[in-house]
Amino acid sequence: MEFNHFDERGNAIMVDVSGKQPTLRTATAAAEVCMSAELLAAIRNSAVAKGDVLGVARLAGVMAAKKTPDLIPLSHPLALHSVAIEFAQDAVAGKIDVSCTVRALERTGVEMEAMTGAAVAALTIYDMCKGSDKSVSIGNIRLLYKEGGKSGLYRRDDGQ
């Protein structure tokens, strides 16, 4: 496996993408937030003391995707054209599935922006709810889908 974030001396570098042509890039990433059924019901009924949990988490996820190059040292600053955060609630499992889809006409992929958006939206759910229940957990942050660029289409094949 070849790593392209290092030069011939082993120094970390930002990959030079200036010679690549911009193409439409899309990526979707997800995260899971697990909690008690009672807390999930409170979120659903807008009864969490800090307010609109999912509304704030949606905004935090969008903002985080836009700030990815400030958080991930070797990522490129990109002109994002779309960031969408969605939530799917599962009352039986006691979880919220967070997804983040990012699109841009760029020279490099938007996977890190999608993963950052999903992760920060999940962290924001925790932050908004920690006063009610500190046992909330976040996990399974993963890339679900990407298209565009040299590597083409990727779709996670684990049924998620």
Protein backbone atom coordinates (compact mmCIF):
# COMPACT_ATOMS: atom_id res chain seq x y z
CA MET A 1 0.00 0.00 0.00
CA GLU A 2 1.41 3.37 -1.01
CA PHE A 3 0.86 6.46 1.14
CA ASN A 4 0.96 9.75 -0.73
CA HIS A 5 0.88 12.08 2.28
CA PHE A 6 4.65 11.67 2.80
CA ASP A 7 7.56 12.92 0.75
CA GLU A 8 10.68 10.86 -0.08
CA ARG A 9 12.18 11.76 3.34
CA GLY A 10 9.08 10.69 5.29
CA ASN A 11 7.80 14.21 5.98
CA ALA A 12 4.05 14.72 6.07
CA ILE A 13 2.87 16.76 3.08
CA MET A 14 -0.37 17.97 1.54
CA VAL A 15 -0.89 16.10 -1.73
CA ASP A 16 -0.56 18.34 -4.79
CA VAL A 17 -3.87 18.14 -6.66
CA SER A 18 -3.24 21.19 -8.87
CA GLY A 19 -2.83 19.04 -12.00
CA LYS A 20 -6.18 17.29 -11.61
CA GLN A 21 -9.36 18.42 -13.33
CA PRO A 22 -12.32 19.29 -11.11
CA THR A 23 -15.12 16.73 -11.18
CA LEU A 24 -18.35 16.47 -9.23
CA ARG A 25 -17.54 14.74 -5.94
CA THR A 26 -20.14 13.30 -3.57
CA ALA A 27 -19.67 11.46 -0.28
CA THR A 28 -22.02 10.23 2.43
CA ALA A 29 -20.81 9.26 5.89
CA ALA A 30 -22.67 8.13 8.98
CA ALA A 31 -22.40 7.87 12.75
CA GLU A 32 -24.57 6.22 15.41
CA VAL A 33 -25.66 7.83 18.67
CA CYS A 34 -26.98 5.29 21.20
CA MET A 35 -29.11 6.33 24.17
CA SER A 36 -31.97 5.31 26.42
CA ALA A 37 -35.48 5.08 25.03
CA GLU A 38 -36.49 7.85 27.45
CA LEU A 39 -33.90 10.26 26.14
CA LEU A 40 -34.79 9.47 22.55
CA ALA A 41 -38.45 10.18 23.37
CA ALA A 42 -37.44 13.49 24.97
CA ILE A 43 -35.53 14.45 21.82
CA ARG A 44 -38.50 13.48 19.66
CA ASN A 45 -40.89 15.50 21.87
CA SER A 46 -38.61 18.57 22.08
CA ALA A 47 -38.36 18.06 25.84
CA VAL A 48 -34.57 18.26 26.28
CA ALA A 49 -33.60 21.20 28.52
CA LYS A 50 -31.06 22.66 26.07
CA GLY A 51 -33.62 22.91 23.25
CA ASP A 52 -33.86 21.61 19.69
CA VAL A 53 -31.24 18.84 19.79
CA LEU A 54 -31.45 17.76 16.15
CA GLY A 55 -31.74 21.31 14.81
CA VAL A 56 -28.57 22.37 16.60
CA ALA A 57 -26.80 19.12 15.63
CA ARG A 58 -27.73 19.69 11.97
CA LEU A 59 -26.19 23.17 12.00
CA ALA A 60 -23.09 21.92 13.83
CA GLY A 61 -22.60 19.16 11.24
CA VAL A 62 -22.86 21.61 8.34
CA MET A 63 -20.44 24.01 10.00
CA ALA A 64 -17.99 21.20 10.78
CA ALA A 65 -17.95 19.92 7.20
CA LYS A 66 -17.04 23.45 6.07
CA LYS A 67 -14.25 23.63 8.68
CA THR A 68 -12.66 20.24 7.89
CA PRO A 69 -9.33 21.68 6.67
CA ASP A 70 -9.03 23.53 9.99
CA LEU A 71 -9.40 20.21 11.86
CA ILE A 72 -7.70 17.61 9.65
CA PRO A 73 -4.13 18.83 9.02
CA LEU A 74 -3.51 17.58 5.45
CA SER A 75 -6.99 18.01 4.00
CA HIS A 76 -7.53 20.56 1.25
CA PRO A 77 -9.75 23.63 1.61
CA LEU A 78 -12.69 22.93 -0.69
CA ALA A 79 -15.57 25.01 -2.02
CA LEU A 80 -18.47 22.85 -0.84
CA HIS A 81 -21.66 23.20 -2.83
CA SER A 82 -23.95 21.17 -0.59
CA VAL A 83 -23.89 19.73 2.93
CA ALA A 84 -26.96 17.83 4.14
CA ILE A 85 -27.34 16.30 7.60
CA GLU A 86 -30.13 13.76 8.13
CA PHE A 87 -31.29 11.84 11.18
CA ALA A 88 -33.06 8.49 11.42
CA GLN A 89 -34.45 7.60 14.84
CA ASP A 90 -34.79 3.98 15.94
CA ALA A 91 -36.89 3.83 19.12
CA VAL A 92 -36.51 0.05 19.48
CA ALA A 93 -32.69 0.15 19.35
CA GLY A 94 -32.49 3.48 21.21
CA LYS A 95 -30.34 5.21 18.63
CA ILE A 96 -30.15 8.02 16.15
CA ASP A 97 -28.36 7.36 12.87
CA VAL A 98 -26.71 10.53 11.60
CA SER A 99 -25.80 10.87 7.95
CA CYS A 100 -23.92 13.65 6.19
CA THR A 101 -23.81 14.05 2.42
CA VAL A 102 -21.39 16.53 0.86
CA ARG A 103 -21.07 17.63 -2.78
CA ALA A 104 -18.47 19.77 -4.51
CA LEU A 105 -17.00 20.34 -7.95
CA GLU A 106 -13.37 19.84 -6.91
CA ARG A 107 -10.00 18.22 -7.61
CA THR A 108 -10.12 15.95 -4.57
CA GLY A 109 -12.77 13.98 -2.71
CA VAL A 110 -15.16 15.13 0.00
CA GLU A 111 -15.06 12.01 2.20
CA MET A 112 -13.35 13.76 5.11
CA GLU A 113 -15.89 16.58 5.02
CA ALA A 114 -18.76 14.06 5.14
CA MET A 115 -17.17 12.11 7.99
CA THR A 116 -16.38 15.28 9.94
CA GLY A 117 -19.95 16.53 9.50
CA ALA A 118 -21.46 13.24 10.71
CA ALA A 119 -19.07 13.00 13.68
CA VAL A 120 -19.62 16.57 14.87
CA ALA A 121 -23.40 16.29 14.50
CA ALA A 122 -23.22 13.16 16.68
CA LEU A 123 -20.99 14.92 19.22
CA THR A 124 -23.45 17.80 19.34
CA ILE A 125 -26.29 15.42 20.16
CA TYR A 126 -24.19 14.19 23.08
CA ASP A 127 -23.41 17.76 24.17
CA MET A 128 -27.06 18.78 24.05
CA CYS A 129 -28.11 15.69 26.06
CA LYS A 130 -25.28 15.11 28.55
CA GLY A 131 -27.15 16.99 31.28
CA SER A 132 -29.97 14.46 31.01
CA ASP A 133 -27.97 11.28 30.40
CA LYS A 134 -24.18 10.95 30.37
CA SER A 135 -24.37 7.34 29.14
CA VAL A 136 -25.03 8.40 25.54
CA SER A 137 -22.44 6.82 23.25
CA ILE A 138 -21.21 7.58 19.75
CA GLY A 139 -19.78 5.03 17.38
CA ASN A 140 -19.57 3.39 13.99
CA ILE A 141 -18.42 6.48 12.11
CA ARG A 142 -17.97 5.31 8.54
CA LEU A 143 -18.01 6.20 4.86
CA LEU A 144 -21.14 4.87 3.18
CA TYR A 145 -20.76 6.17 -0.35
CA LYS A 146 -18.49 8.20 -2.59
CA GLU A 147 -18.34 9.00 -6.26
CA GLY A 148 -16.27 11.15 -8.53
CA GLY A 149 -12.58 11.31 -9.25
CA LYS A 150 -10.05 8.70 -10.28
CA SER A 151 -11.15 6.01 -7.82
CA GLY A 152 -14.73 6.16 -9.05
CA LEU A 153 -17.72 4.77 -7.18
CA TYR A 154 -17.60 3.27 -3.69
CA ARG A 155 -20.63 1.92 -1.89
CA ARG A 156 -20.25 0.26 1.52
CA ASP A 157 -21.36 -3.34 1.17
CA ASP A 158 -22.12 -4.27 4.79
CA GLY A 159 -25.84 -3.62 4.41
CA GLN A 160 -25.71 -0.21 6.13
